[in-house]
Amino acid sequence: MKGKRIVWPEPGRAALEEFTVPGPKPGHVLLETDCSVVSAGTEKAWLLAKPNTSRKFPAYPGYSASGRVLEVGENVKDFRPGDRIVAYHSPHASHSVKHTCDLVRIEDPSLPSEEAAFTIIAAMSLQGIRKARIELGESVAVMGQGLLGLFATQLARLDGALPVIALDLDQTRRELALRLGADHALSPAAEDFGEAFRALTNGQGANAIIEVTGVPIAMNQALACAAWQGRIVALGCTREKTGDIDFYQQVHRPGVSIIGAHNFVRPKHESSPGHWTMRDDMRILLRMISSKRLHVRPMISEQVSPEQAPAVYERLAETEFPPVGIVFDWRKEGGRS
């Protein structure tokens, strides 16, 4: 069987190519993809071979997808052909073979595949929110309102944060954050930003700051915005070194905690408070999306055929603020061989 997949043959360029779809190995299943989501910040960094990426090409991007089971390998008992699933680290491809440990079944038959496909990205935000250990009534700032940031903003609100302050340079993203539940939205580049931020936190700074941008200067700004004994969660992948931090004045003396929140820092088999497994987070997020406690639809900027991949990634590489949520719909014409 032939399938199609997106490939980056070299830095800065994408193409759609045909490939031979393998059969499932023992413990694996063969999936037919419905939708896959572009993780703009991560994929832009890898496409442009920025620091702290593999810089190996050709590369096959994508890690957040929904689809259906076509065939199961030996010893697979939890899934059967026809099951709708979300898949962790499933690439932008019409078909993929995944181990069952990376899959969670979509139980709600009415949940659209394009919304379910965001589950993996949302899970990355959720583990950062869990590690912040937000208490009811604490002030929380979320720096960066791309996909991870918008999910973090919603989840902080659901966790009882008050106020939730969304920070982003782009006005469109700030407006979207307000639609999705942020109490306030500020530009960190505004001349009166520091004064405005302090006013929103009663002059104390934020109890928890979720830093999603990965921009080095953002960590300096987060330290300036943190409250006494505040927590800063480094959720966004930092691509370059951060300098000019006075650890005594900004970390040690005020008792600020900096928490690394890479998605790989998770238990594999058993969840515990603040540290859930990937699959447990995926399951609860599917329920939250189905029940409309977590809103995905407003975050979908474009739903396009994979044939448009070259243009999508060209725009991603060249645009400072690309569309927030681009979905490749493999059910569209040209998505499957």
C-alpha atoms as a PDB file:
ATOM      1  CA  MET A   1       0.000   0.000   0.000  1.00  0.00           C
ATOM      2  CA  LYS A   2       1.165   3.503  -0.809  1.00  0.00           C
ATOM      3  CA  GLY A   3       0.740   6.499   1.462  1.00  0.00           C
ATOM      4  CA  LYS A   4       1.752  10.134   1.544  1.00  0.00           C
ATOM      5  CA  ARG A   5       3.819  12.047   4.085  1.00  0.00           C
ATOM      6  CA  ILE A   6       5.334  15.464   4.597  1.00  0.00           C
ATOM      7  CA  VAL A   7       9.110  15.622   4.426  1.00  0.00           C
ATOM      8  CA  TRP A   8      11.663  18.338   5.022  1.00  0.00           C
ATOM      9  CA  PRO A   9      14.375  17.391   2.518  1.00  0.00           C
ATOM     10  CA  GLU A  10      16.587  20.261   3.655  1.00  0.00           C
ATOM     11  CA  PRO A  11      16.384  23.231   6.051  1.00  0.00           C
ATOM     12  CA  GLY A  12      13.567  25.621   5.209  1.00  0.00           C
ATOM     13  CA  ARG A  13      11.791  23.473   2.626  1.00  0.00           C
ATOM     14  CA  ALA A  14       8.853  21.041   2.790  1.00  0.00           C
ATOM     15  CA  ALA A  15       7.371  18.614   0.277  1.00  0.00           C
ATOM     16  CA  LEU A  16       4.696  15.925   0.086  1.00  0.00           C
ATOM     17  CA  GLU A  17       6.079  12.553  -0.951  1.00  0.00           C
ATOM     18  CA  GLU A  18       4.761   9.056  -1.561  1.00  0.00           C
ATOM     19  CA  PHE A  19       6.009   6.143   0.531  1.00  0.00           C
ATOM     20  CA  THR A  20       5.366   2.450   1.027  1.00  0.00           C
ATOM     21  CA  VAL A  21       3.249   1.862   4.132  1.00  0.00           C
ATOM     22  CA  PRO A  22       4.656  -0.986   6.261  1.00  0.00           C
ATOM     23  CA  GLY A  23       2.516  -3.492   8.107  1.00  0.00           C
ATOM     24  CA  PRO A  24       2.232  -3.439  11.902  1.00  0.00           C
ATOM     25  CA  LYS A  25       4.849  -5.204  14.015  1.00  0.00           C
ATOM     26  CA  PRO A  26       3.910  -7.161  17.157  1.00  0.00           C
ATOM     27  CA  GLY A  27       2.441  -4.792  19.735  1.00  0.00           C
ATOM     28  CA  HIS A  28       1.841  -2.138  17.073  1.00  0.00           C
ATOM     29  CA  VAL A  29      -1.087  -0.987  14.960  1.00  0.00           C
ATOM     30  CA  LEU A  30      -1.369   0.492  11.485  1.00  0.00           C
ATOM     31  CA  LEU A  31      -3.183   3.836  11.559  1.00  0.00           C
ATOM     32  CA  GLU A  32      -4.965   5.838   8.906  1.00  0.00           C
ATOM     33  CA  THR A  33      -4.630   9.518   9.802  1.00  0.00           C
ATOM     34  CA  ASP A  34      -7.626  11.839   9.761  1.00  0.00           C
ATOM     35  CA  CYS A  35      -5.959  15.051  10.964  1.00  0.00           C
ATOM     36  CA  SER A  36      -2.548  16.192  12.194  1.00  0.00           C
ATOM     37  CA  VAL A  37      -1.741  19.526  13.822  1.00  0.00           C
ATOM     38  CA  VAL A  38       1.227  21.777  13.097  1.00  0.00           C
ATOM     39  CA  SER A  39       3.039  22.694  16.314  1.00  0.00           C
ATOM     40  CA  ALA A  40       4.208  26.022  14.923  1.00  0.00           C
ATOM     41  CA  GLY A  41       6.924  26.963  17.420  1.00  0.00           C
ATOM     42  CA  THR A  42       8.563  23.549  17.604  1.00  0.00           C
ATOM     43  CA  GLU A  43       8.282  22.775  13.914  1.00  0.00           C
ATOM     44  CA  LYS A  44       9.600  26.181  12.869  1.00  0.00           C
ATOM     45  CA  ALA A  45      12.670  25.699  15.078  1.00  0.00           C
ATOM     46  CA  TRP A  46      13.384  22.239  13.650  1.00  0.00           C
ATOM     47  CA  LEU A  47      12.631  23.298  10.069  1.00  0.00           C
ATOM     48  CA  LEU A  48      15.172  26.123  10.347  1.00  0.00           C
ATOM     49  CA  ALA A  49      17.718  23.933  12.194  1.00  0.00           C
ATOM     50  CA  LYS A  50      17.900  26.210  15.221  1.00  0.00           C
ATOM     51  CA  PRO A  51      20.044  25.390  18.281  1.00  0.00           C
ATOM     52  CA  ASN A  52      18.863  22.461  20.414  1.00  0.00           C
ATOM     53  CA  THR A  53      17.268  20.697  17.447  1.00  0.00           C
ATOM     54  CA  SER A  54      18.626  17.629  15.649  1.00  0.00           C
ATOM     55  CA  ARG A  55      19.629  19.505  12.450  1.00  0.00           C
ATOM     56  CA  LYS A  56      19.347  16.213  10.557  1.00  0.00           C
ATOM     57  CA  PHE A  57      17.669  16.092   7.156  1.00  0.00           C
ATOM     58  CA  PRO A  58      15.593  14.702   5.588  1.00  0.00           C
ATOM     59  CA  ALA A  59      13.201  14.986   8.516  1.00  0.00           C
ATOM     60  CA  TYR A  60       9.600  13.909   8.973  1.00  0.00           C
ATOM     61  CA  PRO A  61       7.707  16.363  11.184  1.00  0.00           C
ATOM     62  CA  GLY A  62       4.553  16.079  13.248  1.00  0.00           C
ATOM     63  CA  TYR A  63       3.611  14.585  16.602  1.00  0.00           C
ATOM     64  CA  SER A  64      -0.086  15.316  17.295  1.00  0.00           C
ATOM     65  CA  ALA A  65      -2.651  13.401  15.247  1.00  0.00           C
ATOM     66  CA  SER A  66      -5.997  11.644  15.199  1.00  0.00           C
ATOM     67  CA  GLY A  67      -7.139   8.769  13.033  1.00  0.00           C
ATOM     68  CA  ARG A  68      -8.401   5.207  12.875  1.00  0.00           C
ATOM     69  CA  VAL A  69      -6.945   1.744  13.343  1.00  0.00           C
ATOM     70  CA  LEU A  70      -6.647  -0.119  10.038  1.00  0.00           C
ATOM     71  CA  GLU A  71      -4.802  -3.234  11.161  1.00  0.00           C
ATOM     72  CA  VAL A  72      -3.375  -4.625  14.399  1.00  0.00           C
ATOM     73  CA  GLY A  73      -0.181  -6.586  14.883  1.00  0.00           C
ATOM     74  CA  GLU A  74       0.364  -9.701  16.947  1.00  0.00           C
ATOM     75  CA  ASN A  75      -0.385  -9.533  20.680  1.00  0.00           C
ATOM     76  CA  VAL A  76      -2.537  -6.392  20.368  1.00  0.00           C
ATOM     77  CA  LYS A  77      -5.613  -6.811  22.559  1.00  0.00           C
ATOM     78  CA  ASP A  78      -6.660  -3.257  23.484  1.00  0.00           C
ATOM     79  CA  PHE A  79      -7.392  -1.990  19.968  1.00  0.00           C
ATOM     80  CA  ARG A  80      -9.181  -3.313  16.915  1.00  0.00           C
ATOM     81  CA  PRO A  81      -9.724  -2.133  13.336  1.00  0.00           C
ATOM     82  CA  GLY A  82     -12.122   0.797  13.164  1.00  0.00           C
ATOM     83  CA  ASP A  83     -11.221   2.277  16.563  1.00  0.00           C
ATOM     84  CA  ARG A  84     -10.837   6.049  16.509  1.00  0.00           C
ATOM     85  CA  ILE A  85      -7.651   7.126  18.278  1.00  0.00           C
ATOM     86  CA  VAL A  86      -5.291   9.966  19.072  1.00  0.00           C
ATOM     87  CA  ALA A  87      -1.623   9.181  18.574  1.00  0.00           C
ATOM     88  CA  TYR A  88       1.452  10.600  20.292  1.00  0.00           C
ATOM     89  CA  HIS A  89       4.420  11.314  18.010  1.00  0.00           C
ATOM     90  CA  SER A  90       2.514  10.287  14.908  1.00  0.00           C
ATOM     91  CA  PRO A  91       3.971  12.254  11.965  1.00  0.00           C
ATOM     92  CA  HIS A  92       2.247  14.311   9.293  1.00  0.00           C
ATOM     93  CA  ALA A  93       1.449  11.275   7.152  1.00  0.00           C
ATOM     94  CA  SER A  94      -1.585   9.523   5.719  1.00  0.00           C
ATOM     95  CA  HIS A  95      -0.593   6.331   7.548  1.00  0.00           C
ATOM     96  CA  SER A  96       1.732   5.399  10.384  1.00  0.00           C
ATOM     97  CA  VAL A  97       2.649   2.410  12.518  1.00  0.00           C
ATOM     98  CA  LYS A  98       2.555   3.098  16.253  1.00  0.00           C
ATOM     99  CA  HIS A  99       3.044   1.086  19.427  1.00  0.00           C
ATOM    100  CA  THR A 100      -0.130   0.794  21.457  1.00  0.00           C
ATOM    101  CA  CYS A 101       1.511   2.647  24.362  1.00  0.00           C
ATOM    102  CA  ASP A 102       1.315   5.832  22.251  1.00  0.00           C
ATOM    103  CA  LEU A 103      -2.424   5.540  21.562  1.00  0.00           C
ATOM    104  CA  VAL A 104      -5.623   6.488  23.367  1.00  0.00           C
ATOM    105  CA  ARG A 105      -9.083   5.631  22.088  1.00  0.00           C
ATOM    106  CA  ILE A 106     -11.546   8.440  21.292  1.00  0.00           C
ATOM    107  CA  GLU A 107     -14.620   7.355  23.229  1.00  0.00           C
ATOM    108  CA  ASP A 108     -16.961  10.162  22.130  1.00  0.00           C
ATOM    109  CA  PRO A 109     -18.254   9.388  18.608  1.00  0.00           C
ATOM    110  CA  SER A 110     -19.347  13.010  18.170  1.00  0.00           C
ATOM    111  CA  LEU A 111     -15.895  14.514  18.807  1.00  0.00           C
ATOM    112  CA  PRO A 112     -14.551  15.861  15.485  1.00  0.00           C
ATOM    113  CA  SER A 113     -11.197  14.446  14.432  1.00  0.00           C
ATOM    114  CA  GLU A 114      -9.784  17.929  13.841  1.00  0.00           C
ATOM    115  CA  GLU A 115     -10.402  18.812  17.502  1.00  0.00           C
ATOM    116  CA  ALA A 116      -9.205  15.477  18.879  1.00  0.00           C
ATOM    117  CA  ALA A 117      -5.920  15.907  16.996  1.00  0.00           C
ATOM    118  CA  PHE A 118      -4.922  18.729  19.372  1.00  0.00           C
ATOM    119  CA  THR A 119      -4.892  16.382  22.381  1.00  0.00           C
ATOM    120  CA  ILE A 120      -1.155  15.688  22.359  1.00  0.00           C
ATOM    121  CA  ILE A 121      -0.229  19.375  22.184  1.00  0.00           C
ATOM    122  CA  ALA A 122      -2.697  20.109  24.985  1.00  0.00           C
ATOM    123  CA  ALA A 123      -1.092  17.350  27.075  1.00  0.00           C
ATOM    124  CA  MET A 124       2.238  19.139  26.867  1.00  0.00           C
ATOM    125  CA  SER A 125       0.635  22.267  28.283  1.00  0.00           C
ATOM    126  CA  LEU A 126      -1.151  20.276  30.971  1.00  0.00           C
ATOM    127  CA  GLN A 127       2.027  18.715  32.350  1.00  0.00           C
ATOM    128  CA  GLY A 128       3.481  22.214  32.708  1.00  0.00           C
ATOM    129  CA  ILE A 129       0.393  23.416  34.553  1.00  0.00           C
ATOM    130  CA  ARG A 130       0.526  20.361  36.833  1.00  0.00           C
ATOM    131  CA  LYS A 131       4.159  21.081  37.704  1.00  0.00           C
ATOM    132  CA  ALA A 132       3.242  24.674  38.626  1.00  0.00           C
ATOM    133  CA  ARG A 133       1.016  23.273  41.423  1.00  0.00           C
ATOM    134  CA  ILE A 134      -1.407  26.199  41.130  1.00  0.00           C
ATOM    135  CA  GLU A 135      -3.646  26.809  44.137  1.00  0.00           C
ATOM    136  CA  LEU A 136      -7.135  28.307  43.997  1.00  0.00           C
ATOM    137  CA  GLY A 137      -6.882  32.093  43.821  1.00  0.00           C
ATOM    138  CA  GLU A 138      -3.217  32.355  42.849  1.00  0.00           C
ATOM    139  CA  SER A 139      -2.250  34.785  40.103  1.00  0.00           C
ATOM    140  CA  VAL A 140      -0.831  33.170  36.970  1.00  0.00           C
ATOM    141  CA  ALA A 141       0.826  34.717  33.919  1.00  0.00           C
ATOM    142  CA  VAL A 142       1.240  32.768  30.688  1.00  0.00           C
ATOM    143  CA  MET A 143       4.018  34.141  28.489  1.00  0.00           C
ATOM    144  CA  GLY A 144       3.294  33.399  24.829  1.00  0.00           C
ATOM    145  CA  GLN A 145      -0.100  32.659  23.304  1.00  0.00           C
ATOM    146  CA  GLY A 146       0.615  30.139  20.590  1.00  0.00           C
ATOM    147  CA  LEU A 147      -1.006  26.711  20.882  1.00  0.00           C
ATOM    148  CA  LEU A 148       0.833  25.678  24.049  1.00  0.00           C
ATOM    149  CA  GLY A 149       0.214  29.054  25.642  1.00  0.00           C
ATOM    150  CA  LEU A 150      -3.482  29.173  24.777  1.00  0.00           C
ATOM    151  CA  PHE A 151      -3.985  25.721  26.257  1.00  0.00           C
ATOM    152  CA  ALA A 152      -1.977  26.734  29.336  1.00  0.00           C
ATOM    153  CA  THR A 153      -4.134  29.850  29.711  1.00  0.00           C
ATOM    154  CA  GLN A 154      -7.328  27.796  29.628  1.00  0.00           C
ATOM    155  CA  LEU A 155      -5.957  25.135  31.966  1.00  0.00           C
ATOM    156  CA  ALA A 156      -4.696  27.698  34.484  1.00  0.00           C
ATOM    157  CA  ARG A 157      -8.196  29.155  34.642  1.00  0.00           C
ATOM    158  CA  LEU A 158      -9.696  25.684  35.093  1.00  0.00           C
ATOM    159  CA  ASP A 159      -7.152  25.114  37.872  1.00  0.00           C
ATOM    160  CA  GLY A 160      -8.547  28.089  39.800  1.00  0.00           C
ATOM    161  CA  ALA A 161      -6.001  30.787  38.945  1.00  0.00           C
ATOM    162  CA  LEU A 162      -7.190  34.360  39.481  1.00  0.00           C
ATOM    163  CA  PRO A 163      -6.278  36.435  37.636  1.00  0.00           C
ATOM    164  CA  VAL A 164      -4.976  34.679  34.541  1.00  0.00           C
ATOM    165  CA  ILE A 165      -2.801  37.135  32.608  1.00  0.00           C
ATOM    166  CA  ALA A 166      -1.980  36.313  28.989  1.00  0.00           C
ATOM    167  CA  LEU A 167       1.178  37.868  27.544  1.00  0.00           C
ATOM    168  CA  ASP A 168       2.000  38.072  23.846  1.00  0.00           C
ATOM    169  CA  LEU A 169       3.462  40.567  21.398  1.00  0.00           C
ATOM    170  CA  ASP A 170       0.724  39.878  18.847  1.00  0.00           C
ATOM    171  CA  GLN A 171      -2.623  41.624  19.317  1.00  0.00           C
ATOM    172  CA  THR A 172      -4.591  38.904  17.502  1.00  0.00           C
ATOM    173  CA  ARG A 173      -3.271  36.262  19.882  1.00  0.00           C
ATOM    174  CA  ARG A 174      -4.005  38.433  22.907  1.00  0.00           C
ATOM    175  CA  GLU A 175      -7.587  38.861  21.722  1.00  0.00           C
ATOM    176  CA  LEU A 176      -7.929  35.099  21.246  1.00  0.00           C
ATOM    177  CA  ALA A 177      -6.583  34.495  24.750  1.00  0.00           C
ATOM    178  CA  LEU A 178      -9.286  36.766  26.164  1.00  0.00           C
ATOM    179  CA  ARG A 179     -11.941  34.853  24.207  1.00  0.00           C
ATOM    180  CA  LEU A 180     -10.627  31.624  25.703  1.00  0.00           C
ATOM    181  CA  GLY A 181     -10.809  32.797  29.302  1.00  0.00           C
ATOM    182  CA  ALA A 182      -7.842  35.004  30.166  1.00  0.00           C
ATOM    183  CA  ASP A 183      -8.795  37.772  32.595  1.00  0.00           C
ATOM    184  CA  HIS A 184      -6.280  40.197  31.108  1.00  0.00           C
ATOM    185  CA  ALA A 185      -3.951  40.309  28.110  1.00  0.00           C
ATOM    186  CA  LEU A 186      -0.845  42.481  27.878  1.00  0.00           C
ATOM    187  CA  SER A 187       1.984  43.081  25.441  1.00  0.00           C
ATOM    188  CA  PRO A 188       5.348  42.597  27.187  1.00  0.00           C
ATOM    189  CA  ALA A 189       6.772  45.186  24.778  1.00  0.00           C
ATOM    190  CA  ALA A 190       4.443  47.965  25.944  1.00  0.00           C
ATOM    191  CA  GLU A 191       6.154  50.917  27.622  1.00  0.00           C
ATOM    192  CA  ASP A 192       3.938  50.650  30.691  1.00  0.00           C
ATOM    193  CA  PHE A 193       4.042  46.842  30.861  1.00  0.00           C
ATOM    194  CA  GLY A 194       5.787  46.586  34.231  1.00  0.00           C
ATOM    195  CA  GLU A 195       3.443  49.057  35.881  1.00  0.00           C
ATOM    196  CA  ALA A 196       0.353  47.439  34.355  1.00  0.00           C
ATOM    197  CA  PHE A 197       1.456  43.946  35.355  1.00  0.00           C
ATOM    198  CA  ARG A 198       2.113  44.963  38.948  1.00  0.00           C
ATOM    199  CA  ALA A 199      -1.282  46.645  39.123  1.00  0.00           C
ATOM    200  CA  LEU A 200      -3.007  43.422  38.046  1.00  0.00           C
ATOM    201  CA  THR A 201      -1.204  41.451  40.761  1.00  0.00           C
ATOM    202  CA  ASN A 202      -1.716  43.919  43.621  1.00  0.00           C
ATOM    203  CA  GLY A 203       1.888  45.016  43.340  1.00  0.00           C
ATOM    204  CA  GLN A 204       3.150  41.546  44.241  1.00  0.00           C
ATOM    205  CA  GLY A 205       3.927  39.921  40.897  1.00  0.00           C
ATOM    206  CA  ALA A 206       2.521  36.584  39.732  1.00  0.00           C
ATOM    207  CA  ASN A 207       2.514  33.527  41.979  1.00  0.00           C
ATOM    208  CA  ALA A 208       3.166  31.312  38.970  1.00  0.00           C
ATOM    209  CA  ILE A 209       4.494  32.139  35.519  1.00  0.00           C
ATOM    210  CA  ILE A 210       4.245  29.697  32.631  1.00  0.00           C
ATOM    211  CA  GLU A 211       6.995  30.643  30.155  1.00  0.00           C
ATOM    212  CA  VAL A 212       6.045  29.215  26.773  1.00  0.00           C
ATOM    213  CA  THR A 213       7.976  31.323  24.260  1.00  0.00           C
ATOM    214  CA  GLY A 214      11.423  29.780  24.709  1.00  0.00           C
ATOM    215  CA  VAL A 215      12.895  33.210  23.935  1.00  0.00           C
ATOM    216  CA  PRO A 216      15.924  33.853  26.187  1.00  0.00           C
ATOM    217  CA  ILE A 217      14.897  37.389  27.174  1.00  0.00           C
ATOM    218  CA  ALA A 218      11.508  36.074  28.301  1.00  0.00           C
ATOM    219  CA  MET A 219      13.121  34.282  31.246  1.00  0.00           C
ATOM    220  CA  ASN A 220      14.626  37.571  32.422  1.00  0.00           C
ATOM    221  CA  GLN A 221      11.195  39.155  32.158  1.00  0.00           C
ATOM    222  CA  ALA A 222       9.593  36.238  33.987  1.00  0.00           C
ATOM    223  CA  LEU A 223      12.004  36.689  36.887  1.00  0.00           C
ATOM    224  CA  ALA A 224      11.111  40.382  37.033  1.00  0.00           C
ATOM    225  CA  CYS A 225       7.395  39.514  37.130  1.00  0.00           C
ATOM    226  CA  ALA A 226       7.529  36.728  39.724  1.00  0.00           C
ATOM    227  CA  ALA A 227       6.129  37.194  43.204  1.00  0.00           C
ATOM    228  CA  TRP A 228       8.005  36.449  46.412  1.00  0.00           C
ATOM    229  CA  GLN A 229       8.382  32.627  46.483  1.00  0.00           C
ATOM    230  CA  GLY A 230       6.876  32.492  43.004  1.00  0.00           C
ATOM    231  CA  ARG A 231       7.290  29.633  40.538  1.00  0.00           C
ATOM    232  CA  ILE A 232       8.445  29.911  36.950  1.00  0.00           C
ATOM    233  CA  VAL A 233       7.662  26.924  34.746  1.00  0.00           C
ATOM    234  CA  ALA A 234       9.891  26.641  31.668  1.00  0.00           C
ATOM    235  CA  LEU A 235       7.369  25.019  29.325  1.00  0.00           C
ATOM    236  CA  GLY A 236       8.568  26.357  25.963  1.00  0.00           C
ATOM    237  CA  CYS A 237      11.770  24.852  24.568  1.00  0.00           C
ATOM    238  CA  THR A 238      14.593  27.363  24.929  1.00  0.00           C
ATOM    239  CA  ARG A 239      16.719  27.323  21.781  1.00  0.00           C
ATOM    240  CA  GLU A 240      19.492  29.675  22.888  1.00  0.00           C
ATOM    241  CA  LYS A 241      21.402  30.400  26.086  1.00  0.00           C
ATOM    242  CA  THR A 242      19.953  32.819  28.611  1.00  0.00           C
ATOM    243  CA  GLY A 243      22.361  35.315  30.152  1.00  0.00           C
ATOM    244  CA  ASP A 244      22.470  38.281  32.519  1.00  0.00           C
ATOM    245  CA  ILE A 245      20.561  36.657  35.381  1.00  0.00           C
ATOM    246  CA  ASP A 246      21.457  37.805  38.876  1.00  0.00           C
ATOM    247  CA  PHE A 247      20.643  34.597  40.709  1.00  0.00           C
ATOM    248  CA  TYR A 248      21.029  36.149  44.143  1.00  0.00           C
ATOM    249  CA  GLN A 249      18.691  39.089  43.523  1.00  0.00           C
ATOM    250  CA  GLN A 250      16.223  37.348  41.202  1.00  0.00           C
ATOM    251  CA  VAL A 251      16.139  33.741  42.407  1.00  0.00           C
ATOM    252  CA  HIS A 252      17.891  33.087  45.711  1.00  0.00           C
ATOM    253  CA  ARG A 253      16.805  36.090  47.787  1.00  0.00           C
ATOM    254  CA  PRO A 254      13.102  36.145  46.716  1.00  0.00           C
ATOM    255  CA  GLY A 255      12.852  32.344  46.884  1.00  0.00           C
ATOM    256  CA  VAL A 256      11.778  31.930  43.271  1.00  0.00           C
ATOM    257  CA  SER A 257      11.635  28.377  41.903  1.00  0.00           C
ATOM    258  CA  ILE A 258      12.422  27.633  38.253  1.00  0.00           C
ATOM    259  CA  ILE A 259      10.852  24.361  37.122  1.00  0.00           C
ATOM    260  CA  GLY A 260      11.848  22.568  33.948  1.00  0.00           C
ATOM    261  CA  ALA A 261       8.764  21.187  32.198  1.00  0.00           C
ATOM    262  CA  HIS A 262       9.880  19.306  29.121  1.00  0.00           C
ATOM    263  CA  ASN A 263       7.173  16.844  28.124  1.00  0.00           C
ATOM    264  CA  PHE A 264       9.591  13.916  28.349  1.00  0.00           C
ATOM    265  CA  VAL A 265       9.884  14.424  32.124  1.00  0.00           C
ATOM    266  CA  ARG A 266       6.944  12.166  32.970  1.00  0.00           C
ATOM    267  CA  PRO A 267       6.341   8.818  34.646  1.00  0.00           C
ATOM    268  CA  LYS A 268       5.857   6.045  32.107  1.00  0.00           C
ATOM    269  CA  HIS A 269       3.536   3.707  33.962  1.00  0.00           C
ATOM    270  CA  GLU A 270       1.870   5.252  37.005  1.00  0.00           C
ATOM    271  CA  SER A 271       0.579   8.781  37.626  1.00  0.00           C
ATOM    272  CA  SER A 272       1.171  10.656  40.874  1.00  0.00           C
ATOM    273  CA  PRO A 273       0.135  14.142  42.070  1.00  0.00           C
ATOM    274  CA  GLY A 274       1.677  16.719  39.749  1.00  0.00           C
ATOM    275  CA  HIS A 275       3.152  14.054  37.483  1.00  0.00           C
ATOM    276  CA  TRP A 276       0.724  12.150  35.286  1.00  0.00           C
ATOM    277  CA  THR A 277       1.577   9.738  32.507  1.00  0.00           C
ATOM    278  CA  MET A 278       1.117  10.901  28.935  1.00  0.00           C
ATOM    279  CA  ARG A 279      -1.774   8.520  28.324  1.00  0.00           C
ATOM    280  CA  ASP A 280      -3.601   9.554  31.499  1.00  0.00           C
ATOM    281  CA  ASP A 281      -3.309  13.201  30.467  1.00  0.00           C
ATOM    282  CA  MET A 282      -4.493  12.348  26.951  1.00  0.00           C
ATOM    283  CA  ARG A 283      -7.559  10.566  28.330  1.00  0.00           C
ATOM    284  CA  ILE A 284      -8.659  13.404  30.596  1.00  0.00           C
ATOM    285  CA  LEU A 285      -8.037  15.996  27.889  1.00  0.00           C
ATOM    286  CA  LEU A 286     -10.247  14.120  25.431  1.00  0.00           C
ATOM    287  CA  ARG A 287     -13.011  14.237  28.036  1.00  0.00           C
ATOM    288  CA  MET A 288     -12.419  17.950  28.641  1.00  0.00           C
ATOM    289  CA  ILE A 289     -12.529  18.729  24.922  1.00  0.00           C
ATOM    290  CA  SER A 290     -15.678  16.627  24.462  1.00  0.00           C
ATOM    291  CA  SER A 291     -17.415  18.365  27.373  1.00  0.00           C
ATOM    292  CA  LYS A 292     -16.380  21.823  26.079  1.00  0.00           C
ATOM    293  CA  ARG A 293     -14.497  22.625  29.266  1.00  0.00           C
ATOM    294  CA  LEU A 294     -11.446  23.005  27.056  1.00  0.00           C
ATOM    295  CA  HIS A 295     -12.064  24.869  23.819  1.00  0.00           C
ATOM    296  CA  VAL A 296     -10.266  23.875  20.630  1.00  0.00           C
ATOM    297  CA  ARG A 297     -12.440  25.103  17.774  1.00  0.00           C
ATOM    298  CA  PRO A 298     -11.501  28.824  18.153  1.00  0.00           C
ATOM    299  CA  MET A 299      -7.828  27.836  17.907  1.00  0.00           C
ATOM    300  CA  ILE A 300      -8.174  26.258  14.456  1.00  0.00           C
ATOM    301  CA  SER A 301      -6.907  28.896  12.044  1.00  0.00           C
ATOM    302  CA  GLU A 302      -6.798  26.768   8.906  1.00  0.00           C
ATOM    303  CA  GLN A 303      -7.789  23.234   7.910  1.00  0.00           C
ATOM    304  CA  VAL A 304      -5.939  22.410   4.700  1.00  0.00           C
ATOM    305  CA  SER A 305      -5.018  19.556   2.403  1.00  0.00           C
ATOM    306  CA  PRO A 306      -1.501  18.144   2.909  1.00  0.00           C
ATOM    307  CA  GLU A 307      -0.862  19.161  -0.700  1.00  0.00           C
ATOM    308  CA  GLN A 308      -0.504  22.694   0.658  1.00  0.00           C
ATOM    309  CA  ALA A 309       2.383  21.688   2.941  1.00  0.00           C
ATOM    310  CA  PRO A 310       5.125  23.465   0.927  1.00  0.00           C
ATOM    311  CA  ALA A 311       3.265  26.775   1.150  1.00  0.00           C
ATOM    312  CA  VAL A 312       2.343  26.232   4.807  1.00  0.00           C
ATOM    313  CA  TYR A 313       5.951  25.698   5.865  1.00  0.00           C
ATOM    314  CA  GLU A 314       7.269  28.496   3.666  1.00  0.00           C
ATOM    315  CA  ARG A 315       4.926  30.863   5.492  1.00  0.00           C
ATOM    316  CA  LEU A 316       5.864  29.329   8.844  1.00  0.00           C
ATOM    317  CA  ALA A 317       9.556  29.929   8.157  1.00  0.00           C
ATOM    318  CA  GLU A 318       9.110  33.529   7.039  1.00  0.00           C
ATOM    319  CA  THR A 319       6.350  34.860   9.316  1.00  0.00           C
ATOM    320  CA  GLU A 320       6.955  36.152  12.831  1.00  0.00           C
ATOM    321  CA  PHE A 321       3.401  35.395  13.945  1.00  0.00           C
ATOM    322  CA  PRO A 322       2.064  32.507  11.832  1.00  0.00           C
ATOM    323  CA  PRO A 323      -1.518  31.235  12.182  1.00  0.00           C
ATOM    324  CA  VAL A 324      -1.992  29.614  15.577  1.00  0.00           C
ATOM    325  CA  GLY A 325      -3.621  26.309  14.685  1.00  0.00           C
ATOM    326  CA  ILE A 326      -2.997  24.806  11.237  1.00  0.00           C
ATOM    327  CA  VAL A 327      -4.547  21.377  10.690  1.00  0.00           C
ATOM    328  CA  PHE A 328      -3.576  19.047   7.863  1.00  0.00           C
ATOM    329  CA  ASP A 329      -6.746  17.155   6.916  1.00  0.00           C
ATOM    330  CA  TRP A 330      -5.673  13.868   5.336  1.00  0.00           C
ATOM    331  CA  ARG A 331      -9.271  13.119   4.347  1.00  0.00           C
ATOM    332  CA  LYS A 332      -9.154  15.958   1.817  1.00  0.00           C
ATOM    333  CA  GLU A 333      -8.312  15.375  -1.831  1.00  0.00           C
ATOM    334  CA  GLY A 334      -4.611  14.682  -2.252  1.00  0.00           C
ATOM    335  CA  GLY A 335      -4.114  13.516   1.327  1.00  0.00           C
ATOM    336  CA  ARG A 336      -4.154   9.811   0.576  1.00  0.00           C
ATOM    337  CA  SER A 337      -2.844   7.853  -2.386  1.00  0.00           C
END
